[in-house]
C-alpha atoms as a PDB file:
ATOM      1  CA  MET A   1     -11.211   3.870 104.692  1.00  0.00           C
ATOM      2  CA  ARG A   2      -7.692   2.573 105.679  1.00  0.00           C
ATOM      3  CA  ARG A   3      -4.721   3.066 103.504  1.00  0.00           C
ATOM      4  CA  PHE A   4      -3.220  -0.110 104.421  1.00  0.00           C
ATOM      5  CA  ARG A   5      -5.034  -3.509 104.155  1.00  0.00           C
ATOM      6  CA  SER A   6      -2.341  -5.494 105.602  1.00  0.00           C
ATOM      7  CA  SER A   7       1.268  -5.278 106.398  1.00  0.00           C
ATOM      8  CA  ARG A   8       2.224  -6.874 103.118  1.00  0.00           C
ATOM      9  CA  GLU A   9       0.183  -4.746 100.697  1.00  0.00           C
ATOM     10  CA  LYS A  10       1.468  -1.600  99.047  1.00  0.00           C
ATOM     11  CA  PRO A  11      -0.309   1.589 100.087  1.00  0.00           C
ATOM     12  CA  GLU A  12      -2.902   3.012  97.833  1.00  0.00           C
ATOM     13  CA  LEU A  13      -2.229   6.118  95.713  1.00  0.00           C
ATOM     14  CA  ASN A  14      -3.907   9.433  96.095  1.00  0.00           C
ATOM     15  CA  SER A  15      -4.500  10.561  92.696  1.00  0.00           C
ATOM     16  CA  HIS A  16      -6.413  13.748  93.555  1.00  0.00           C
ATOM     17  CA  ILE A  17      -4.949  17.070  92.709  1.00  0.00           C
ATOM     18  CA  ASN A  18      -5.751  20.231  94.593  1.00  0.00           C
ATOM     19  CA  VAL A  19      -6.535  22.994  92.149  1.00  0.00           C
ATOM     20  CA  THR A  20      -7.563  25.646  94.863  1.00  0.00           C
ATOM     21  CA  ASN A  21      -4.261  27.505  94.360  1.00  0.00           C
ATOM     22  CA  LEU A  22      -4.435  27.277  90.563  1.00  0.00           C
ATOM     23  CA  VAL A  23      -7.990  28.823  90.423  1.00  0.00           C
ATOM     24  CA  ASP A  24      -6.926  31.591  92.797  1.00  0.00           C
ATOM     25  CA  VAL A  25      -3.942  32.495  90.655  1.00  0.00           C
ATOM     26  CA  ALA A  26      -5.980  32.317  87.406  1.00  0.00           C
ATOM     27  CA  LEU A  27      -8.717  34.524  88.863  1.00  0.00           C
ATOM     28  CA  THR A  28      -6.166  37.042  90.244  1.00  0.00           C
ATOM     29  CA  ILE A  29      -4.515  37.297  86.753  1.00  0.00           C
ATOM     30  CA  LEU A  30      -7.844  37.637  85.084  1.00  0.00           C
ATOM     31  CA  ILE A  31      -8.801  40.471  87.419  1.00  0.00           C
ATOM     32  CA  MET A  32      -5.512  42.217  86.929  1.00  0.00           C
ATOM     33  CA  TYR A  33      -5.927  42.025  83.029  1.00  0.00           C
ATOM     34  CA  ILE A  34      -9.588  43.557  83.408  1.00  0.00           C
ATOM     35  CA  LEU A  35      -8.240  46.373  85.278  1.00  0.00           C
ATOM     36  CA  VAL A  36      -5.187  47.049  83.128  1.00  0.00           C
ATOM     37  CA  ALA A  37      -6.810  46.471  79.488  1.00  0.00           C
ATOM     38  CA  PRO A  38      -8.763  49.771  79.238  1.00  0.00           C
ATOM     39  CA  LEU A  39      -5.446  51.610  80.203  1.00  0.00           C
ATOM     40  CA  ILE A  40      -3.606  49.746  77.248  1.00  0.00           C
ATOM     41  CA  THR A  41      -6.208  50.616  74.645  1.00  0.00           C
ATOM     42  CA  HIS A  42      -6.683  54.372  75.616  1.00  0.00           C
ATOM     43  CA  GLY A  43      -3.227  55.107  76.751  1.00  0.00           C
ATOM     44  CA  ILE A  44      -2.164  58.059  79.177  1.00  0.00           C
ATOM     45  CA  ARG A  45      -1.429  61.742  77.609  1.00  0.00           C
ATOM     46  CA  LEU A  46       1.815  63.137  78.804  1.00  0.00           C
ATOM     47  CA  ASN A  47       3.432  66.433  78.126  1.00  0.00           C
ATOM     48  CA  LEU A  48       6.886  65.712  77.385  1.00  0.00           C
ATOM     49  CA  PRO A  49       9.446  68.350  76.634  1.00  0.00           C
ATOM     50  CA  LYS A  50      10.580  68.487  73.310  1.00  0.00           C
ATOM     51  CA  ALA A  51      14.420  68.377  72.865  1.00  0.00           C
ATOM     52  CA  GLY A  52      16.747  69.351  70.066  1.00  0.00           C
ATOM     53  CA  PRO A  53      20.341  68.573  69.113  1.00  0.00           C
ATOM     54  CA  SER A  54      22.439  70.472  71.338  1.00  0.00           C
ATOM     55  CA  LYS A  55      25.473  72.516  70.306  1.00  0.00           C
ATOM     56  CA  LEU A  56      28.938  71.785  71.228  1.00  0.00           C
ATOM     57  CA  GLU A  57      30.199  74.728  73.191  1.00  0.00           C
ATOM     58  CA  ARG A  58      33.861  74.057  72.505  1.00  0.00           C
ATOM     59  CA  SER A  59      35.680  71.873  69.921  1.00  0.00           C
ATOM     60  CA  GLN A  60      37.669  68.647  70.998  1.00  0.00           C
ATOM     61  CA  ASN A  61      41.330  68.242  70.196  1.00  0.00           C
ATOM     62  CA  VAL A  62      42.507  64.710  69.209  1.00  0.00           C
ATOM     63  CA  ILE A  63      46.058  63.762  70.143  1.00  0.00           C
ATOM     64  CA  LYS A  64      47.405  60.737  68.415  1.00  0.00           C
ATOM     65  CA  ILE A  65      50.919  59.496  69.440  1.00  0.00           C
ATOM     66  CA  LYS A  66      52.623  57.228  66.861  1.00  0.00           C
ATOM     67  CA  ALA A  67      56.156  55.683  67.014  1.00  0.00           C
ATOM     68  CA  ASP A  68      58.072  58.836  67.057  1.00  0.00           C
ATOM     69  CA  LYS A  69      55.505  61.343  66.202  1.00  0.00           C
ATOM     70  CA  ILE A  70      52.760  63.373  67.834  1.00  0.00           C
ATOM     71  CA  TYR A  71      49.761  64.509  66.053  1.00  0.00           C
ATOM     72  CA  LEU A  72      47.291  67.185  67.002  1.00  0.00           C
ATOM     73  CA  ASN A  73      44.054  67.092  64.965  1.00  0.00           C
ATOM     74  CA  ASP A  74      45.994  65.182  62.340  1.00  0.00           C
ATOM     75  CA  ARG A  75      48.743  67.671  62.110  1.00  0.00           C
ATOM     76  CA  PRO A  76      52.179  66.706  63.240  1.00  0.00           C
ATOM     77  CA  VAL A  77      53.603  68.691  66.163  1.00  0.00           C
ATOM     78  CA  LYS A  78      56.754  68.699  68.397  1.00  0.00           C
ATOM     79  CA  PRO A  79      56.917  66.879  71.513  1.00  0.00           C
ATOM     80  CA  GLY A  80      55.644  69.330  74.084  1.00  0.00           C
ATOM     81  CA  GLY A  81      53.967  71.356  71.417  1.00  0.00           C
ATOM     82  CA  ALA A  82      50.463  69.836  71.776  1.00  0.00           C
ATOM     83  CA  GLN A  83      50.130  71.262  75.300  1.00  0.00           C
ATOM     84  CA  GLU A  84      51.063  74.750  73.880  1.00  0.00           C
ATOM     85  CA  LYS A  85      48.642  74.306  70.768  1.00  0.00           C
ATOM     86  CA  ALA A  86      45.774  73.285  72.957  1.00  0.00           C
ATOM     87  CA  ARG A  87      46.197  76.422  75.081  1.00  0.00           C
ATOM     88  CA  ILE A  88      46.241  78.542  72.180  1.00  0.00           C
ATOM     89  CA  ASN A  89      42.933  76.957  71.063  1.00  0.00           C
ATOM     90  CA  GLY A  90      41.446  77.741  74.497  1.00  0.00           C
ATOM     91  CA  GLU A  91      41.404  74.212  75.808  1.00  0.00           C
ATOM     92  CA  ASP A  92      43.988  74.220  78.554  1.00  0.00           C
ATOM     93  CA  ARG A  93      43.321  70.769  80.407  1.00  0.00           C
ATOM     94  CA  SER A  94      46.749  70.323  81.959  1.00  0.00           C
ATOM     95  CA  GLY A  95      44.965  70.704  85.418  1.00  0.00           C
ATOM     96  CA  ASP A  96      42.540  67.765  84.726  1.00  0.00           C
END
């Protein structure tokens, strides 16, 4: 069958759709679903470790600096005194 009947006529349209790829993908998804569905319904048993809340080993100092005052754990200190009080609390972080 010729596509062109004459040089003046428009070409015929091919209205056929190739569904081979669509069927291949649909069957692949179906097979995957069939294989995975039993795992979803039954589940997998795992032996996970149980964890509880951890204890803090040392306290945390909070230093606040406002316009002309310095606060260590909401207590006012002199300039330079915050580092000294932190050393007294056992948390010397001057090397960090």
